[in-house]
Each structure stands twice: as structure tokens, then as C-alpha cells.
Amino acid sequence: MELTAKHREYWHKNLIVTAILLFIWFLVTFVEGWYARELNAYTFLGFPLGFYMSAQGSLLIYVVIIGIYARYMNKLDKEYDVHEGEDD
């Protein structure tokens, strides 16, 4: 099956947003863990920042990443007329 230019453009935009969100995920998961001791010099809501990010902050960021991806893909699906139904 030959992909049209419209399909390629849709897939390219999907890959770009996925790469950006995966980069943010990588920063929150691995880079934060690597520098947790240094981050503990700062506090957030009375907790050391490294501890807070490992215990709660990263989970909140994961949920935000999922929400951003879902909203962006719904918008992109409607833009390229490939949405699956009435989502309003």
C-alpha cells in the first residue's frame, strides 16, 4: 500500500510529538533520578525536591504527558479527517 503525502505528513507530526513527549519522559524519569541528591538541596511543599519528584512529581508529569498526547492526537485526527467518531 502506497502512502499518500497526507498520510506521511500525519505520521511525521505524530512522530514529532511522540519524540518530544518521550524526551520529557526521559528527563523526568532518568535525569531526575540521576540528580536526586543535588535536587534534595531544594524543598517543595516541605519535602526535598528529589524525593518529591520521585514519589509524586514524576507521576503527575506522566499524567500530564498522557493528557497532552491524547488532546493533540484528537486534534490531529480531526484535522486529517481520520477520527473514529463523535468525541466532542
C-alpha atoms as a PDB file:
ATOM      1  CA  MET A   1       0.000   0.000   0.000  1.00  0.00           C
ATOM      2  CA  GLU A   2       1.419   3.323  -1.085  1.00  0.00           C
ATOM      3  CA  LEU A   3       1.182   6.107   1.471  1.00  0.00           C
ATOM      4  CA  THR A   4      -0.053   9.434   0.222  1.00  0.00           C
ATOM      5  CA  ALA A   5       1.593  12.742   1.069  1.00  0.00           C
ATOM      6  CA  LYS A   6      -1.246  13.406   3.524  1.00  0.00           C
ATOM      7  CA  HIS A   7      -0.528  10.118   5.342  1.00  0.00           C
ATOM      8  CA  ARG A   8       3.178  10.893   5.513  1.00  0.00           C
ATOM      9  CA  GLU A   9       2.514  14.365   6.893  1.00  0.00           C
ATOM     10  CA  TYR A  10       0.150  12.946   9.530  1.00  0.00           C
ATOM     11  CA  TRP A  11       2.692  10.297  10.536  1.00  0.00           C
ATOM     12  CA  HIS A  12       5.520  12.854  10.637  1.00  0.00           C
ATOM     13  CA  LYS A  13       3.554  15.128  13.005  1.00  0.00           C
ATOM     14  CA  ASN A  14       2.726  12.094  15.163  1.00  0.00           C
ATOM     15  CA  LEU A  15       6.397  11.123  15.394  1.00  0.00           C
ATOM     16  CA  ILE A  16       7.460  14.669  16.278  1.00  0.00           C
ATOM     17  CA  VAL A  17       5.035  14.997  19.197  1.00  0.00           C
ATOM     18  CA  THR A  18       5.884  11.466  20.366  1.00  0.00           C
ATOM     19  CA  ALA A  19       9.616  12.253  20.324  1.00  0.00           C
ATOM     20  CA  ILE A  20       9.125  15.476  22.294  1.00  0.00           C
ATOM     21  CA  LEU A  21       6.957  13.789  24.919  1.00  0.00           C
ATOM     22  CA  LEU A  22       9.348  10.841  25.216  1.00  0.00           C
ATOM     23  CA  PHE A  23      12.213  13.280  25.756  1.00  0.00           C
ATOM     24  CA  ILE A  24      10.257  14.910  28.600  1.00  0.00           C
ATOM     25  CA  TRP A  25       9.514  11.433  29.998  1.00  0.00           C
ATOM     26  CA  PHE A  26      13.237  10.601  29.851  1.00  0.00           C
ATOM     27  CA  LEU A  27      14.158  13.800  31.695  1.00  0.00           C
ATOM     28  CA  VAL A  28      11.594  13.195  34.429  1.00  0.00           C
ATOM     29  CA  THR A  29      12.426   9.522  34.845  1.00  0.00           C
ATOM     30  CA  PHE A  30      16.172   9.155  34.430  1.00  0.00           C
ATOM     31  CA  VAL A  31      17.765  12.594  34.651  1.00  0.00           C
ATOM     32  CA  GLU A  32      15.779  13.488  37.778  1.00  0.00           C
ATOM     33  CA  GLY A  33      16.824  10.202  39.380  1.00  0.00           C
ATOM     34  CA  TRP A  34      20.447  10.754  38.478  1.00  0.00           C
ATOM     35  CA  TYR A  35      20.495  14.208  40.095  1.00  0.00           C
ATOM     36  CA  ALA A  36      18.177  13.423  43.024  1.00  0.00           C
ATOM     37  CA  ARG A  37      20.829  14.149  45.659  1.00  0.00           C
ATOM     38  CA  GLU A  38      21.552  17.551  44.190  1.00  0.00           C
ATOM     39  CA  LEU A  39      17.827  18.311  43.907  1.00  0.00           C
ATOM     40  CA  ASN A  40      17.359  17.493  47.599  1.00  0.00           C
ATOM     41  CA  ALA A  41      19.070  20.798  48.399  1.00  0.00           C
ATOM     42  CA  TYR A  42      15.762  22.454  47.397  1.00  0.00           C
ATOM     43  CA  THR A  43      12.393  21.894  49.031  1.00  0.00           C
ATOM     44  CA  PHE A  44       8.899  21.729  47.600  1.00  0.00           C
ATOM     45  CA  LEU A  45       5.880  21.698  49.937  1.00  0.00           C
ATOM     46  CA  GLY A  46       8.252  20.947  52.795  1.00  0.00           C
ATOM     47  CA  PHE A  47       9.831  17.890  51.126  1.00  0.00           C
ATOM     48  CA  PRO A  48      13.255  17.611  49.483  1.00  0.00           C
ATOM     49  CA  LEU A  49      12.701  18.163  45.752  1.00  0.00           C
ATOM     50  CA  GLY A  50      14.459  14.954  44.672  1.00  0.00           C
ATOM     51  CA  PHE A  51      12.269  12.898  46.997  1.00  0.00           C
ATOM     52  CA  TYR A  52       9.095  14.721  45.942  1.00  0.00           C
ATOM     53  CA  MET A  53       9.808  14.267  42.235  1.00  0.00           C
ATOM     54  CA  SER A  54      10.489  10.558  42.725  1.00  0.00           C
ATOM     55  CA  ALA A  55       7.434   9.978  44.911  1.00  0.00           C
ATOM     56  CA  GLN A  56       4.772  12.256  43.405  1.00  0.00           C
ATOM     57  CA  GLY A  57       6.018  14.800  40.897  1.00  0.00           C
ATOM     58  CA  SER A  58       7.006  12.380  38.179  1.00  0.00           C
ATOM     59  CA  LEU A  59       3.615  10.636  38.383  1.00  0.00           C
ATOM     60  CA  LEU A  60       1.830  13.939  37.895  1.00  0.00           C
ATOM     61  CA  ILE A  61       4.015  14.732  34.909  1.00  0.00           C
ATOM     62  CA  TYR A  62       3.256  11.308  33.378  1.00  0.00           C
ATOM     63  CA  VAL A  63      -0.481  12.007  33.616  1.00  0.00           C
ATOM     64  CA  VAL A  64       0.034  15.426  32.019  1.00  0.00           C
ATOM     65  CA  ILE A  65       2.061  13.826  29.189  1.00  0.00           C
ATOM     66  CA  ILE A  66      -0.768  11.361  28.514  1.00  0.00           C
ATOM     67  CA  GLY A  67      -3.326  14.192  28.501  1.00  0.00           C
ATOM     68  CA  ILE A  68      -1.259  16.301  26.111  1.00  0.00           C
ATOM     69  CA  TYR A  69      -0.790  13.371  23.732  1.00  0.00           C
ATOM     70  CA  ALA A  70      -4.491  12.453  23.769  1.00  0.00           C
ATOM     71  CA  ARG A  71      -5.605  16.031  23.157  1.00  0.00           C
ATOM     72  CA  TYR A  72      -3.042  16.593  20.395  1.00  0.00           C
ATOM     73  CA  MET A  73      -3.878  13.350  18.606  1.00  0.00           C
ATOM     74  CA  ASN A  74      -7.625  14.028  18.769  1.00  0.00           C
ATOM     75  CA  LYS A  75      -6.994  17.439  17.194  1.00  0.00           C
ATOM     76  CA  LEU A  76      -4.691  15.916  14.575  1.00  0.00           C
ATOM     77  CA  ASP A  77      -7.196  13.145  13.780  1.00  0.00           C
ATOM     78  CA  LYS A  78      -9.925  15.720  13.164  1.00  0.00           C
ATOM     79  CA  GLU A  79      -7.576  17.864  11.082  1.00  0.00           C
ATOM     80  CA  TYR A  80      -6.751  14.912   8.808  1.00  0.00           C
ATOM     81  CA  ASP A  81     -10.297  13.508   8.946  1.00  0.00           C
ATOM     82  CA  VAL A  82      -9.324  10.166  10.476  1.00  0.00           C
ATOM     83  CA  HIS A  83     -11.173  10.498  13.804  1.00  0.00           C
ATOM     84  CA  GLU A  84     -13.171   7.491  14.931  1.00  0.00           C
ATOM     85  CA  GLY A  85     -16.412   9.073  15.988  1.00  0.00           C
ATOM     86  CA  GLU A  86     -18.071  11.895  17.771  1.00  0.00           C
ATOM     87  CA  ASP A  87     -15.822  12.855  20.680  1.00  0.00           C
ATOM     88  CA  ASP A  88     -16.946  16.419  21.308  1.00  0.00           C
END
